[in-house]
Amino acid sequence: MSELTEDPAERAKKYIASFEEAFQELASTKEDTIVKAQNIRRISDTMQHYLNDAHYYLEHDRPSTSLAAIAYAEGLLDALKFLELADTSSTQ
């Protein structure tokens, strides 16, 4: 039985590229709902920081940390979509 191994750096690169595509298509609400638009922007800014961190750690040979950072970003993006506070199916 052969052992399957996955290169964390390659996985991080794919994960980051996938997230960047979804993040670029993000269209968040511009009006206050139960959640103020300002708070939605804060979450979007935080996603951008996690994305930047993911790139930084990948470039500095820390692929596992890069994966963790991009996973946090994707979790925030998913939360916005689940709450219907953002949509990635249309472009602006």
Protein backbone atom coordinates (compact mmCIF):
# COMPACT_ATOMS: atom_id res chain seq x y z
CA MET A 1 0.00 0.00 0.00
CA SER A 2 1.56 3.28 -1.05
CA GLU A 3 1.46 6.24 1.28
CA LEU A 4 -0.24 9.31 -0.14
CA THR A 5 1.40 12.55 0.76
CA GLU A 6 0.29 16.05 0.03
CA ASP A 7 2.62 18.97 -0.32
CA PRO A 8 1.26 21.66 2.04
CA ALA A 9 2.74 24.44 -0.10
CA GLU A 10 0.95 23.21 -3.22
CA ARG A 11 -2.27 22.79 -1.27
CA ALA A 12 -1.94 26.32 0.14
CA LYS A 13 -1.35 27.77 -3.36
CA LYS A 14 -4.51 26.10 -4.69
CA TYR A 15 -6.56 27.10 -1.65
CA ILE A 16 -5.39 30.73 -1.87
CA ALA A 17 -6.16 30.93 -5.60
CA SER A 18 -9.64 29.51 -5.07
CA PHE A 19 -10.34 31.94 -2.22
CA GLU A 20 -9.02 34.93 -4.18
CA GLU A 21 -11.42 34.17 -7.02
CA ALA A 22 -14.41 34.00 -4.66
CA PHE A 23 -13.24 37.05 -2.70
CA GLN A 24 -12.90 39.17 -5.84
CA GLU A 25 -16.48 38.34 -6.75
CA LEU A 26 -17.75 39.24 -3.29
CA ALA A 27 -20.68 41.62 -3.36
CA SER A 28 -21.64 42.54 0.17
CA THR A 29 -24.70 44.47 1.14
CA LYS A 30 -24.27 48.24 1.20
CA GLU A 31 -27.17 48.88 3.55
CA ASP A 32 -27.64 48.19 7.22
CA THR A 33 -29.57 45.06 8.02
CA ILE A 34 -29.54 43.47 11.43
CA VAL A 35 -25.80 43.81 10.96
CA LYS A 36 -24.44 47.25 10.18
CA ALA A 37 -22.74 47.61 6.80
CA GLN A 38 -19.67 48.95 8.64
CA ASN A 39 -19.32 45.64 10.48
CA ILE A 40 -19.62 43.69 7.24
CA ARG A 41 -16.79 45.84 5.83
CA ARG A 42 -14.71 45.01 8.92
CA ILE A 43 -15.19 41.32 8.23
CA SER A 44 -14.20 41.87 4.60
CA ASP A 45 -11.08 43.74 5.73
CA THR A 46 -10.24 40.89 8.10
CA MET A 47 -10.57 38.41 5.25
CA GLN A 48 -8.12 40.52 3.25
CA HIS A 49 -5.66 40.47 6.17
CA TYR A 50 -5.93 36.67 6.43
CA LEU A 51 -5.38 36.41 2.67
CA ASN A 52 -2.28 38.60 2.94
CA ASP A 53 -1.06 36.46 5.85
CA ALA A 54 -1.61 33.29 3.79
CA HIS A 55 0.56 34.69 0.99
CA TYR A 56 3.21 35.86 3.45
CA TYR A 57 3.49 32.50 5.22
CA LEU A 58 3.55 30.59 1.95
CA GLU A 59 6.36 32.80 0.64
CA HIS A 60 8.28 32.27 3.89
CA ASP A 61 8.14 28.45 3.75
CA ARG A 62 5.40 28.07 6.35
CA PRO A 63 2.71 26.35 4.28
CA SER A 64 0.81 24.88 7.23
CA THR A 65 0.39 28.34 8.74
CA SER A 66 -0.60 29.63 5.32
CA LEU A 67 -3.33 26.98 5.11
CA ALA A 68 -4.64 27.97 8.53
CA ALA A 69 -4.81 31.65 7.54
CA ILE A 70 -6.66 31.01 4.30
CA ALA A 71 -9.03 28.62 6.07
CA TYR A 72 -9.95 31.41 8.50
CA ALA A 73 -10.59 33.74 5.56
CA GLU A 74 -12.79 31.20 3.83
CA GLY A 75 -14.72 30.60 7.06
CA LEU A 76 -15.53 34.30 7.29
CA LEU A 77 -16.57 34.37 3.63
CA ASP A 78 -18.83 31.37 4.17
CA ALA A 79 -20.39 33.01 7.23
CA LEU A 80 -21.25 36.14 5.22
CA LYS A 81 -22.78 34.01 2.47
CA PHE A 82 -24.76 31.82 4.91
CA LEU A 83 -26.16 34.93 6.59
CA GLU A 84 -27.01 36.31 3.14
CA LEU A 85 -24.85 39.34 3.81
CA ALA A 86 -22.68 38.72 0.76
CA ASP A 87 -23.03 37.05 -2.60
CA THR A 88 -20.22 35.70 -4.77
CA SER A 89 -22.41 34.59 -7.65
CA SER A 90 -22.43 38.01 -9.32
CA THR A 91 -19.72 40.49 -10.12
CA GLN A 92 -19.89 44.20 -9.43
